[in-house]
Every structure is written in structure tokens, then in C-alpha cells.
Amino acid sequence: MDQPEGFTTVGEEQKVYRLQRSIYGLKQASRSWNTRFDEVIRGYDFIKNDYDPCVYNKISGSSVAYLVLYVDDILLIENDVKMLDDIKAWLSTQFSMKDMGEASYIL
């Protein structure tokens, strides 16, 4: 990555910037997002599925939750509405997100 025009320092034109986080659109941005999401969701006691790394589950008593991650979309499947609301509220504190409501069609 080159220094942006107007931000170069005389004599230091060959220096580069060290990024503190991934820039959207870079080759490694999706990996960085997935790694961050995985760390956060496991911190909320979700367990990654052994056969599909984009599927997580959480069991709390008789409540069961499945979380499916597809690129940057999340599908939550639950048998307990309160648990669903708690997870959505918690996720919104961790990530900038928008609740799209119930899914009407899933591929």
C-alpha cells in the first residue's frame, strides 16, 4: 500500500503503514472477519460444528440455538424466543448489525 498523496514525508517516501485492522475489500479481509466472529461467538458459549465450520450451536437447559454464518449474514434458529432475543441483543453489542426479521426463504 502506498502512502496517500499529501501524506508523504520528505525522505520517508518508501515507508509503509502498518494497519491496525483489515481494510474492507482486501484479500485477507474475509478471513479476518471470520476469525473475529469465531472468537466472539465462542465467547458466548456457542460450539462450532465439527462438520460445517459455519454452523454453531448452543444448548442451555431445554433451549437450543443454532447459528448459521453465510459470508456476512447470520441465520438464528431457536426453540426459545427469550434466548433468541438475548442472543440478538448480545450480537448487536458486538457488531454493527440489522435485524431483517424472520427468513421467508433459505437456500
Foldseek 3Di string as FASTA:
>chain_A
DFDDPPPDDVPCRVDDDDDPADDPPDPCNLVRVVVVVVVVVVVVVWAADPVDRQWTWHDDPPKIWIWGDDSHDIDIDIPDVVVVVVVVVVVVVVDPDDDPPDDPDDD
